[in-house]
Amino acid sequence: MKKADLVAKMAEAAGITKKQADLALNGFIAETTAAIKAGDKVTLVGFGSFSSVTRSARTGRNPQTGKALKIPAKTSGKFTPGKDLRDLKVKPAKKK
């Protein structure tokens, strides 16, 4: 599902226009990103949690040369699904 598909489904479910649904989705994304950057955790009960995770600096290897290289520390976003998403019973996708 692409963003446009999600916006269309949100608009239909909420009984609003696609433009309003797009604004709501963009607002959610912006505020969630800002909260995570500030070090906060965003929890949507029944859906999941958005948080930040910091990976420490480490030594890696270049797969072509085998030479050791330093990988710097990095902070990125993380999503942890809630119980409802963890317990999904998904049907396999049909092959074309």
Protein backbone atom coordinates (compact mmCIF):
# COMPACT_ATOMS: atom_id res chain seq x y z
CA MET A 1 0.00 0.00 0.00
CA LYS A 2 1.34 3.39 -0.97
CA LYS A 3 0.79 6.66 0.89
CA ALA A 4 -1.90 7.76 -1.59
CA ASP A 5 -3.79 4.50 -0.97
CA LEU A 6 -3.58 5.00 2.79
CA VAL A 7 -4.81 8.59 2.47
CA ALA A 8 -7.77 7.45 0.37
CA LYS A 9 -8.72 4.74 2.90
CA MET A 10 -8.35 7.17 5.82
CA ALA A 11 -10.58 9.70 4.06
CA GLU A 12 -13.24 7.11 3.37
CA ALA A 13 -13.16 5.68 6.91
CA ALA A 14 -13.32 9.10 8.58
CA GLY A 15 -15.77 10.67 6.14
CA ILE A 16 -13.39 13.49 5.25
CA THR A 17 -11.75 14.68 2.04
CA LYS A 18 -8.51 13.23 0.76
CA LYS A 19 -6.85 16.60 1.29
CA GLN A 20 -7.87 16.61 4.97
CA ALA A 21 -6.70 13.02 5.38
CA ASP A 22 -3.37 13.89 3.72
CA LEU A 23 -2.92 16.84 6.09
CA ALA A 24 -3.73 14.62 9.08
CA LEU A 25 -1.27 11.92 7.98
CA ASN A 26 1.48 14.46 7.28
CA GLY A 27 0.83 16.04 10.69
CA PHE A 28 1.07 12.65 12.39
CA ILE A 29 4.35 11.87 10.63
CA ALA A 30 5.84 15.29 11.44
CA GLU A 31 4.85 15.22 15.12
CA THR A 32 5.98 11.61 15.59
CA THR A 33 9.34 12.42 13.98
CA ALA A 34 9.76 15.51 16.18
CA ALA A 35 8.94 13.55 19.34
CA ILE A 36 11.41 10.78 18.48
CA LYS A 37 14.13 13.34 17.69
CA ALA A 38 13.46 14.91 21.10
CA GLY A 39 14.02 11.52 22.74
CA ASP A 40 10.37 10.84 23.52
CA LYS A 41 8.50 7.61 22.84
CA VAL A 42 5.18 7.68 20.96
CA THR A 43 2.81 4.87 21.98
CA LEU A 44 -0.44 4.04 20.20
CA VAL A 45 -2.15 1.48 22.43
CA GLY A 46 -3.07 -1.62 20.46
CA PHE A 47 -0.98 -0.58 17.47
CA GLY A 48 2.63 -0.10 18.60
CA SER A 49 5.35 2.26 19.76
CA PHE A 50 7.76 4.54 17.95
CA SER A 51 11.08 5.27 19.65
CA SER A 52 14.71 6.04 18.92
CA VAL A 53 17.53 3.55 19.23
CA THR A 54 21.24 4.33 19.31
CA ARG A 55 23.75 1.90 17.86
CA SER A 56 27.22 2.25 19.31
CA ALA A 57 30.33 2.71 17.19
CA ARG A 58 31.87 -0.55 16.06
CA THR A 59 34.46 -2.06 13.76
CA GLY A 60 33.25 -3.64 10.55
CA ARG A 61 34.87 -5.17 7.50
CA ASN A 62 34.79 -4.18 3.86
CA PRO A 63 33.40 -7.32 2.17
CA GLN A 64 35.45 -6.76 -1.00
CA THR A 65 38.85 -6.20 0.58
CA GLY A 66 38.41 -7.64 4.08
CA LYS A 67 39.95 -4.45 5.46
CA ALA A 68 38.69 -3.31 8.88
CA LEU A 69 36.83 0.00 9.01
CA LYS A 70 35.24 2.04 11.75
CA ILE A 71 31.45 2.39 11.68
CA PRO A 72 30.33 5.50 13.61
CA ALA A 73 27.56 5.54 16.20
CA LYS A 74 24.10 6.13 14.76
CA THR A 75 20.65 6.96 16.09
CA SER A 76 17.60 5.91 14.12
CA GLY A 77 13.88 5.37 14.53
CA LYS A 78 12.37 2.09 15.66
CA PHE A 79 8.82 0.72 15.56
CA THR A 80 7.74 -1.98 17.98
CA PRO A 81 4.40 -3.54 17.03
CA GLY A 82 1.68 -3.91 19.66
CA LYS A 83 0.02 -7.18 20.55
CA ASP A 84 -2.63 -6.90 17.82
CA LEU A 85 0.05 -6.56 15.11
CA ARG A 86 2.31 -9.27 16.55
CA ASP A 87 -0.52 -11.80 16.56
CA LEU A 88 -1.61 -11.32 12.93
CA LYS A 89 -2.65 -14.34 10.98
CA VAL A 90 -1.57 -13.32 7.48
CA LYS A 91 -2.57 -15.26 4.40
CA PRO A 92 0.29 -15.80 1.93
CA ALA A 93 0.25 -13.43 -1.05
CA LYS A 94 -1.03 -14.89 -4.30
CA LYS A 95 1.66 -15.38 -6.93
CA LYS A 96 1.08 -13.71 -10.28
